[in-house]
Amino acid sequence: MGGVSVVVWRVVLGGVSVVVWRVVLGGVSVVVWRVVLGGVSVVVWRVVLGGVSVVVWRVVLGGVSIVRVISMMVISVVGSIIVS
């Protein structure tokens, strides 16, 4: 299938589990991070469609769930990043 990219990473080290899903389909990008450490679970969804980015955070600690939604416009930056 042309134009579709799916990547999944999973790392488990001791009691820590990290899973990252990345799906790109045309101009839509979806990335999901999930980190579990003991009784704490953190999930972050990031969806980019055109110039709009939506990020959803969900933290579960015990039986309490906190959800936060952040929406922002993405500004294209042309240039280079130098890492030393």
PDB file of N, CA and C in Angstrom:
ATOM      1  N   MET A   1       0.847  -1.185   0.000  1.00  0.00           N
ATOM      2  CA  MET A   1       0.000   0.000   0.000  1.00  0.00           C
ATOM      3  C   MET A   1       0.884   1.237   0.000  1.00  0.00           C
ATOM      4  N   GLY A   2       0.797   2.065  -1.012  1.00  0.00           N
ATOM      5  CA  GLY A   2       1.608   3.269  -1.094  1.00  0.00           C
ATOM      6  C   GLY A   2       1.108   4.352  -0.167  1.00  0.00           C
ATOM      7  N   GLY A   3       2.056   5.083   0.426  1.00  0.00           N
ATOM      8  CA  GLY A   3       1.697   6.205   1.279  1.00  0.00           C
ATOM      9  C   GLY A   3       1.332   5.847   2.697  1.00  0.00           C
ATOM     10  N   VAL A   4       1.483   4.581   3.092  1.00  0.00           N
ATOM     11  CA  VAL A   4       1.133   4.170   4.449  1.00  0.00           C
ATOM     12  C   VAL A   4       2.390   3.682   5.153  1.00  0.00           C
ATOM     13  N   SER A   5       2.620   4.184   6.361  1.00  0.00           N
ATOM     14  CA  SER A   5       3.754   3.751   7.172  1.00  0.00           C
ATOM     15  C   SER A   5       3.246   3.401   8.560  1.00  0.00           C
ATOM     16  N   VAL A   6       3.610   2.213   9.054  1.00  0.00           N
ATOM     17  CA  VAL A   6       3.230   1.790  10.403  1.00  0.00           C
ATOM     18  C   VAL A   6       4.489   1.285  11.104  1.00  0.00           C
ATOM     19  N   VAL A   7       4.782   1.861  12.260  1.00  0.00           N
ATOM     20  CA  VAL A   7       5.953   1.454  13.035  1.00  0.00           C
ATOM     21  C   VAL A   7       5.518   1.241  14.478  1.00  0.00           C
ATOM     22  N   VAL A   8       5.979   0.150  15.087  1.00  0.00           N
ATOM     23  CA  VAL A   8       5.668  -0.131  16.493  1.00  0.00           C
ATOM     24  C   VAL A   8       6.971  -0.470  17.211  1.00  0.00           C
ATOM     25  N   TRP A   9       7.214   0.206  18.329  1.00  0.00           N
ATOM     26  CA  TRP A   9       8.356  -0.110  19.182  1.00  0.00           C
ATOM     27  C   TRP A   9       7.811  -0.569  20.525  1.00  0.00           C
ATOM     28  N   ARG A  10       8.463  -1.590  21.115  1.00  0.00           N
ATOM     29  CA  ARG A  10       8.070  -2.055  22.451  1.00  0.00           C
ATOM     30  C   ARG A  10       9.326  -2.395  23.219  1.00  0.00           C
ATOM     31  N   VAL A  11       9.459  -1.800  24.401  1.00  0.00           N
ATOM     32  CA  VAL A  11      10.601  -2.068  25.269  1.00  0.00           C
ATOM     33  C   VAL A  11      10.067  -2.389  26.656  1.00  0.00           C
ATOM     34  N   VAL A  12      10.516  -3.513  27.202  1.00  0.00           N
ATOM     35  CA  VAL A  12      10.160  -3.879  28.570  1.00  0.00           C
ATOM     36  C   VAL A  12      11.466  -4.083  29.327  1.00  0.00           C
ATOM     37  N   LEU A  13      11.635  -3.338  30.402  1.00  0.00           N
ATOM     38  CA  LEU A  13      12.852  -3.430  31.196  1.00  0.00           C
ATOM     39  C   LEU A  13      12.457  -3.420  32.664  1.00  0.00           C
ATOM     40  N   GLY A  14      12.602  -4.558  33.309  1.00  0.00           N
ATOM     41  CA  GLY A  14      12.172  -4.643  34.704  1.00  0.00           C
ATOM     42  C   GLY A  14      10.673  -4.427  34.796  1.00  0.00           C
ATOM     43  N   GLY A  15      10.256  -3.479  35.605  1.00  0.00           N
ATOM     44  CA  GLY A  15       8.828  -3.191  35.763  1.00  0.00           C
ATOM     45  C   GLY A  15       8.330  -2.066  34.885  1.00  0.00           C
ATOM     46  N   VAL A  16       9.158  -1.640  33.924  1.00  0.00           N
ATOM     47  CA  VAL A  16       8.777  -0.525  33.051  1.00  0.00           C
ATOM     48  C   VAL A  16       8.483  -1.047  31.653  1.00  0.00           C
ATOM     49  N   SER A  17       7.335  -0.668  31.115  1.00  0.00           N
ATOM     50  CA  SER A  17       6.947  -1.039  29.753  1.00  0.00           C
ATOM     51  C   SER A  17       6.711   0.235  28.948  1.00  0.00           C
ATOM     52  N   VAL A  18       7.358   0.322  27.780  1.00  0.00           N
ATOM     53  CA  VAL A  18       7.178   1.475  26.892  1.00  0.00           C
ATOM     54  C   VAL A  18       6.783   0.956  25.517  1.00  0.00           C
ATOM     55  N   VAL A  19       5.664   1.444  24.993  1.00  0.00           N
ATOM     56  CA  VAL A  19       5.196   1.061  23.662  1.00  0.00           C
ATOM     57  C   VAL A  19       4.924   2.342  22.877  1.00  0.00           C
ATOM     58  N   VAL A  20       5.412   2.390  21.634  1.00  0.00           N
ATOM     59  CA  VAL A  20       5.174   3.547  20.765  1.00  0.00           C
ATOM     60  C   VAL A  20       4.621   3.042  19.441  1.00  0.00           C
ATOM     61  N   TRP A  21       3.469   3.574  19.036  1.00  0.00           N
ATOM     62  CA  TRP A  21       2.877   3.278  17.729  1.00  0.00           C
ATOM     63  C   TRP A  21       2.976   4.546  16.899  1.00  0.00           C
ATOM     64  N   ARG A  22       3.350   4.395  15.635  1.00  0.00           N
ATOM     65  CA  ARG A  22       3.388   5.551  14.722  1.00  0.00           C
ATOM     66  C   ARG A  22       2.770   5.126  13.403  1.00  0.00           C
ATOM     67  N   VAL A  23       1.723   5.835  12.998  1.00  0.00           N
ATOM     68  CA  VAL A  23       1.032   5.545  11.744  1.00  0.00           C
ATOM     69  C   VAL A  23       0.986   6.829  10.929  1.00  0.00           C
ATOM     70  N   VAL A  24       1.429   6.748   9.684  1.00  0.00           N
ATOM     71  CA  VAL A  24       1.357   7.884   8.770  1.00  0.00           C
ATOM     72  C   VAL A  24       0.588   7.432   7.540  1.00  0.00           C
ATOM     73  N   LEU A  25      -0.479   8.145   7.224  1.00  0.00           N
ATOM     74  CA  LEU A  25      -1.314   7.823   6.066  1.00  0.00           C
ATOM     75  C   LEU A  25      -1.592   9.125   5.335  1.00  0.00           C
ATOM     76  N   GLY A  26      -0.940   9.301   4.205  1.00  0.00           N
ATOM     77  CA  GLY A  26      -1.100  10.556   3.468  1.00  0.00           C
ATOM     78  C   GLY A  26      -0.626  11.721   4.308  1.00  0.00           C
ATOM     79  N   GLY A  27      -1.482  12.687   4.549  1.00  0.00           N
ATOM     80  CA  GLY A  27      -1.123  13.862   5.339  1.00  0.00           C
ATOM     81  C   GLY A  27      -1.487  13.759   6.802  1.00  0.00           C
ATOM     82  N   VAL A  28      -1.875  12.573   7.257  1.00  0.00           N
ATOM     83  CA  VAL A  28      -2.280  12.378   8.648  1.00  0.00           C
ATOM     84  C   VAL A  28      -1.216  11.558   9.369  1.00  0.00           C
ATOM     85  N   SER A  29      -0.780  12.052  10.514  1.00  0.00           N
ATOM     86  CA  SER A  29       0.198  11.343  11.336  1.00  0.00           C
ATOM     87  C   SER A  29      -0.401  11.109  12.715  1.00  0.00           C
ATOM     88  N   VAL A  30      -0.329   9.871  13.201  1.00  0.00           N
ATOM     89  CA  VAL A  30      -0.823   9.526  14.535  1.00  0.00           C
ATOM     90  C   VAL A  30       0.310   8.827  15.283  1.00  0.00           C
ATOM     91  N   VAL A  31       0.644   9.351  16.455  1.00  0.00           N
ATOM     92  CA  VAL A  31       1.666   8.736  17.293  1.00  0.00           C
ATOM     93  C   VAL A  31       1.062   8.511  18.672  1.00  0.00           C
ATOM     94  N   VAL A  32       1.248   7.307  19.210  1.00  0.00           N
ATOM     95  CA  VAL A  32       0.741   6.973  20.543  1.00  0.00           C
ATOM     96  C   VAL A  32       1.907   6.458  21.378  1.00  0.00           C
ATOM     97  N   TRP A  33       2.113   7.078  22.540  1.00  0.00           N
ATOM     98  CA  TRP A  33       3.114   6.610  23.494  1.00  0.00           C
ATOM     99  C   TRP A  33       2.363   6.045  24.691  1.00  0.00           C
ATOM    100  N   ARG A  34       2.813   4.885  25.183  1.00  0.00           N
ATOM    101  CA  ARG A  34       2.214   4.297  26.385  1.00  0.00           C
ATOM    102  C   ARG A  34       3.339   3.839  27.290  1.00  0.00           C
ATOM    103  N   VAL A  35       3.357   4.378  28.503  1.00  0.00           N
ATOM    104  CA  VAL A  35       4.376   4.018  29.486  1.00  0.00           C
ATOM    105  C   VAL A  35       3.663   3.504  30.727  1.00  0.00           C
ATOM    106  N   VAL A  36       4.075   2.323  31.194  1.00  0.00           N
ATOM    107  CA  VAL A  36       3.502   1.744  32.407  1.00  0.00           C
ATOM    108  C   VAL A  36       4.642   1.494  33.387  1.00  0.00           C
ATOM    109  N   LEU A  37       4.506   2.040  34.580  1.00  0.00           N
ATOM    110  CA  LEU A  37       5.497   1.849  35.630  1.00  0.00           C
ATOM    111  C   LEU A  37       4.754   1.569  36.921  1.00  0.00           C
ATOM    112  N   GLY A  38       4.788   0.315  37.339  1.00  0.00           N
ATOM    113  CA  GLY A  38       4.045  -0.057  38.541  1.00  0.00           C
ATOM    114  C   GLY A  38       2.560   0.174  38.332  1.00  0.00           C
ATOM    115  N   GLY A  39       1.937   0.948  39.201  1.00  0.00           N
ATOM    116  CA  GLY A  39       0.504   1.222  39.089  1.00  0.00           C
ATOM    117  C   GLY A  39       0.185   2.492  38.337  1.00  0.00           C
ATOM    118  N   VAL A  40       1.186   3.091  37.684  1.00  0.00           N
ATOM    119  CA  VAL A  40       0.978   4.343  36.952  1.00  0.00           C
ATOM    120  C   VAL A  40       1.040   4.070  35.453  1.00  0.00           C
ATOM    121  N   SER A  41       0.031   4.537  34.730  1.00  0.00           N
ATOM    122  CA  SER A  41      -0.021   4.396  33.275  1.00  0.00           C
ATOM    123  C   SER A  41      -0.165   5.783  32.655  1.00  0.00           C
ATOM    124  N   VAL A  42       0.702   6.082  31.682  1.00  0.00           N
ATOM    125  CA  VAL A  42       0.630   7.357  30.966  1.00  0.00           C
ATOM    126  C   VAL A  42       0.490   7.051  29.483  1.00  0.00           C
ATOM    127  N   VAL A  43      -0.548   7.610  28.857  1.00  0.00           N
ATOM    128  CA  VAL A  43      -0.769   7.426  27.425  1.00  0.00           C
ATOM    129  C   VAL A  43      -0.874   8.811  26.790  1.00  0.00           C
ATOM    130  N   VAL A  44      -0.125   9.016  25.702  1.00  0.00           N
ATOM    131  CA  VAL A  44      -0.157  10.289  24.985  1.00  0.00           C
ATOM    132  C   VAL A  44      -0.478  10.004  23.529  1.00  0.00           C
ATOM    133  N   TRP A  45      -1.535  10.623  23.012  1.00  0.00           N
ATOM    134  CA  TRP A  45      -1.899  10.529  21.597  1.00  0.00           C
ATOM    135  C   TRP A  45      -1.550  11.860  20.954  1.00  0.00           C
ATOM    136  N   ARG A  46      -0.918  11.817  19.782  1.00  0.00           N
ATOM    137  CA  ARG A  46      -0.642  13.044  19.024  1.00  0.00           C
ATOM    138  C   ARG A  46      -1.103  12.819  17.593  1.00  0.00           C
ATOM    139  N   VAL A  47      -2.026  13.655  17.145  1.00  0.00           N
ATOM    140  CA  VAL A  47      -2.567  13.561  15.793  1.00  0.00           C
ATOM    141  C   VAL A  47      -2.250  14.862  15.074  1.00  0.00           C
ATOM    142  N   VAL A  48      -1.643  14.750  13.904  1.00  0.00           N
ATOM    143  CA  VAL A  48      -1.343  15.926  13.084  1.00  0.00           C
ATOM    144  C   VAL A  48      -2.067  15.771  11.760  1.00  0.00           C
ATOM    145  N   LEU A  49      -2.894  16.756  11.423  1.00  0.00           N
ATOM    146  CA  LEU A  49      -3.649  16.755  10.173  1.00  0.00           C
ATOM    147  C   LEU A  49      -3.508  18.140   9.569  1.00  0.00           C
ATOM    148  N   GLY A  50      -2.782  18.218   8.469  1.00  0.00           N
ATOM    149  CA  GLY A  50      -2.525  19.527   7.870  1.00  0.00           C
ATOM    150  C   GLY A  50      -1.708  20.370   8.823  1.00  0.00           C
ATOM    151  N   GLY A  51      -2.196  21.532   9.177  1.00  0.00           N
ATOM    152  CA  GLY A  51      -1.475  22.418  10.082  1.00  0.00           C
ATOM    153  C   GLY A  51      -1.969  22.387  11.506  1.00  0.00           C
ATOM    154  N   VAL A  52      -2.802  21.412  11.852  1.00  0.00           N
ATOM    155  CA  VAL A  52      -3.368  21.341  13.197  1.00  0.00           C
ATOM    156  C   VAL A  52      -2.840  20.105  13.910  1.00  0.00           C
ATOM    157  N   SER A  53      -2.396  20.310  15.146  1.00  0.00           N
ATOM    158  CA  SER A  53      -1.902  19.215  15.970  1.00  0.00           C
ATOM    159  C   SER A  53      -2.775  19.113  17.212  1.00  0.00           C
ATOM    160  N   VAL A  54      -3.225  17.906  17.529  1.00  0.00           N
ATOM    161  CA  VAL A  54      -4.009  17.668  18.740  1.00  0.00           C
ATOM    162  C   VAL A  54      -3.262  16.642  19.580  1.00  0.00           C
ATOM    163  N   VAL A  55      -3.041  16.992  20.847  1.00  0.00           N
ATOM    164  CA  VAL A  55      -2.352  16.098  21.770  1.00  0.00           C
ATOM    165  C   VAL A  55      -3.293  15.797  22.926  1.00  0.00           C
ATOM    166  N   VAL A  56      -3.432  14.519  23.251  1.00  0.00           N
ATOM    167  CA  VAL A  56      -4.276  14.094  24.372  1.00  0.00           C
ATOM    168  C   VAL A  56      -3.396  13.321  25.351  1.00  0.00           C
ATOM    169  N   TRP A  57      -3.393  13.766  26.607  1.00  0.00           N
ATOM    170  CA  TRP A  57      -2.659  13.084  27.665  1.00  0.00           C
ATOM    171  C   TRP A  57      -3.662  12.365  28.554  1.00  0.00           C
ATOM    172  N   ARG A  58      -3.331  11.142  28.949  1.00  0.00           N
ATOM    173  CA  ARG A  58      -4.163  10.414  29.915  1.00  0.00           C
ATOM    174  C   ARG A  58      -3.244   9.770  30.931  1.00  0.00           C
ATOM    175  N   VAL A  59      -3.439  10.118  32.177  1.00  0.00           N
ATOM    176  CA  VAL A  59      -2.641   9.556  33.263  1.00  0.00           C
ATOM    177  C   VAL A  59      -3.582   8.801  34.181  1.00  0.00           C
ATOM    178  N   VAL A  60      -3.243   7.542  34.464  1.00  0.00           N
ATOM    179  CA  VAL A  60      -4.040   6.734  35.386  1.00  0.00           C
ATOM    180  C   VAL A  60      -3.148   6.372  36.565  1.00  0.00           C
ATOM    181  N   LEU A  61      -3.566   6.773  37.752  1.00  0.00           N
ATOM    182  CA  LEU A  61      -2.829   6.482  38.979  1.00  0.00           C
ATOM    183  C   LEU A  61      -3.803   5.859  39.956  1.00  0.00           C
ATOM    184  N   GLY A  62      -3.633   4.558  40.197  1.00  0.00           N
ATOM    185  CA  GLY A  62      -4.617   3.851  41.007  1.00  0.00           C
ATOM    186  C   GLY A  62      -5.928   3.804  40.250  1.00  0.00           C
ATOM    187  N   GLY A  63      -6.994   4.285  40.814  1.00  0.00           N
ATOM    188  CA  GLY A  63      -8.288   4.313  40.137  1.00  0.00           C
ATOM    189  C   GLY A  63      -8.639   5.678  39.581  1.00  0.00           C
ATOM    190  N   VAL A  64      -7.692   6.632  39.646  1.00  0.00           N
ATOM    191  CA  VAL A  64      -7.957   8.004  39.216  1.00  0.00           C
ATOM    192  C   VAL A  64      -7.389   8.222  37.818  1.00  0.00           C
ATOM    193  N   SER A  65      -8.209   8.771  36.925  1.00  0.00           N
ATOM    194  CA  SER A  65      -7.795   9.040  35.550  1.00  0.00           C
ATOM    195  C   SER A  65      -7.864  10.538  35.286  1.00  0.00           C
ATOM    196  N   ILE A  66      -6.782  11.089  34.737  1.00  0.00           N
ATOM    197  CA  ILE A  66      -6.726  12.507  34.384  1.00  0.00           C
ATOM    198  C   ILE A  66      -6.513  12.598  32.883  1.00  0.00           C
ATOM    199  N   VAL A  67      -7.369  13.373  32.197  1.00  0.00           N
ATOM    200  CA  VAL A  67      -7.260  13.531  30.744  1.00  0.00           C
ATOM    201  C   VAL A  67      -7.104  15.015  30.435  1.00  0.00           C
ATOM    202  N   ARG A  68      -6.166  15.335  29.545  1.00  0.00           N
ATOM    203  CA  ARG A  68      -5.966  16.724  29.124  1.00  0.00           C
ATOM    204  C   ARG A  68      -5.821  16.750  27.611  1.00  0.00           C
ATOM    205  N   VAL A  69      -6.510  17.688  26.967  1.00  0.00           N
ATOM    206  CA  VAL A  69      -6.459  17.825  25.509  1.00  0.00           C
ATOM    207  C   VAL A  69      -5.804  19.159  25.176  1.00  0.00           C
ATOM    208  N   ILE A  70      -4.821  19.107  24.291  1.00  0.00           N
ATOM    209  CA  ILE A  70      -4.125  20.312  23.843  1.00  0.00           C
ATOM    210  C   ILE A  70      -4.241  20.374  22.330  1.00  0.00           C
ATOM    211  N   SER A  71      -4.721  21.493  21.798  1.00  0.00           N
ATOM    212  CA  SER A  71      -4.824  21.677  20.353  1.00  0.00           C
ATOM    213  C   SER A  71      -3.990  22.885  19.970  1.00  0.00           C
ATOM    214  N   MET A  72      -3.216  22.758  18.900  1.00  0.00           N
ATOM    215  CA  MET A  72      -2.365  23.870  18.499  1.00  0.00           C
ATOM    216  C   MET A  72      -2.178  23.871  16.998  1.00  0.00           C
ATOM    217  N   MET A  73      -1.812  25.028  16.492  1.00  0.00           N
ATOM    218  CA  MET A  73      -1.462  25.140  15.085  1.00  0.00           C
ATOM    219  C   MET A  73       0.020  24.819  14.938  1.00  0.00           C
ATOM    220  N   VAL A  74       0.359  24.111  13.899  1.00  0.00           N
ATOM    221  CA  VAL A  74       1.750  23.755  13.641  1.00  0.00           C
ATOM    222  C   VAL A  74       2.331  24.759  12.661  1.00  0.00           C
ATOM    223  N   ILE A  75       3.466  25.326  13.010  1.00  0.00           N
ATOM    224  CA  ILE A  75       4.148  26.275  12.132  1.00  0.00           C
ATOM    225  C   ILE A  75       5.308  25.546  11.470  1.00  0.00           C
ATOM    226  N   SER A  76       5.352  25.591  10.165  1.00  0.00           N
ATOM    227  CA  SER A  76       6.445  24.941   9.442  1.00  0.00           C
ATOM    228  C   SER A  76       7.725  25.754   9.615  1.00  0.00           C
ATOM    229  N   VAL A  77       8.796  25.063   9.946  1.00  0.00           N
ATOM    230  CA  VAL A  77      10.087  25.711  10.141  1.00  0.00           C
ATOM    231  C   VAL A  77      11.051  25.166   9.099  1.00  0.00           C
ATOM    232  N   VAL A  78      11.656  26.072   8.361  1.00  0.00           N
ATOM    233  CA  VAL A  78      12.644  25.674   7.363  1.00  0.00           C
ATOM    234  C   VAL A  78      14.009  26.065   7.903  1.00  0.00           C
ATOM    235  N   GLY A  79      14.922  25.126   7.934  1.00  0.00           N
ATOM    236  CA  GLY A  79      16.253  25.404   8.454  1.00  0.00           C
ATOM    237  C   GLY A  79      16.926  24.106   8.820  1.00  0.00           C
ATOM    238  N   SER A  80      17.932  24.210   9.669  1.00  0.00           N
ATOM    239  CA  SER A  80      18.662  23.010  10.058  1.00  0.00           C
ATOM    240  C   SER A  80      18.816  22.972  11.566  1.00  0.00           C
ATOM    241  N   ILE A  81      18.942  21.769  12.078  1.00  0.00           N
ATOM    242  CA  ILE A  81      19.168  21.559  13.503  1.00  0.00           C
ATOM    243  C   ILE A  81      20.565  20.973  13.643  1.00  0.00           C
ATOM    244  N   ILE A  82      21.385  21.607  14.466  1.00  0.00           N
ATOM    245  CA  ILE A  82      22.753  21.140  14.668  1.00  0.00           C
ATOM    246  C   ILE A  82      22.856  20.562  16.075  1.00  0.00           C
ATOM    247  N   VAL A  83      23.298  19.322  16.160  1.00  0.00           N
ATOM    248  CA  VAL A  83      23.480  18.657  17.451  1.00  0.00           C
ATOM    249  C   VAL A  83      24.966  18.431  17.643  1.00  0.00           C
ATOM    250  N   SER A  84      25.493  18.936  18.753  1.00  0.00           N
ATOM    251  CA  SER A  84      26.931  18.741  18.998  1.00  0.00           C
ATOM    252  C   SER A  84      27.147  17.847  20.199  1.00  0.00           C
TER     253      SER A  84
END
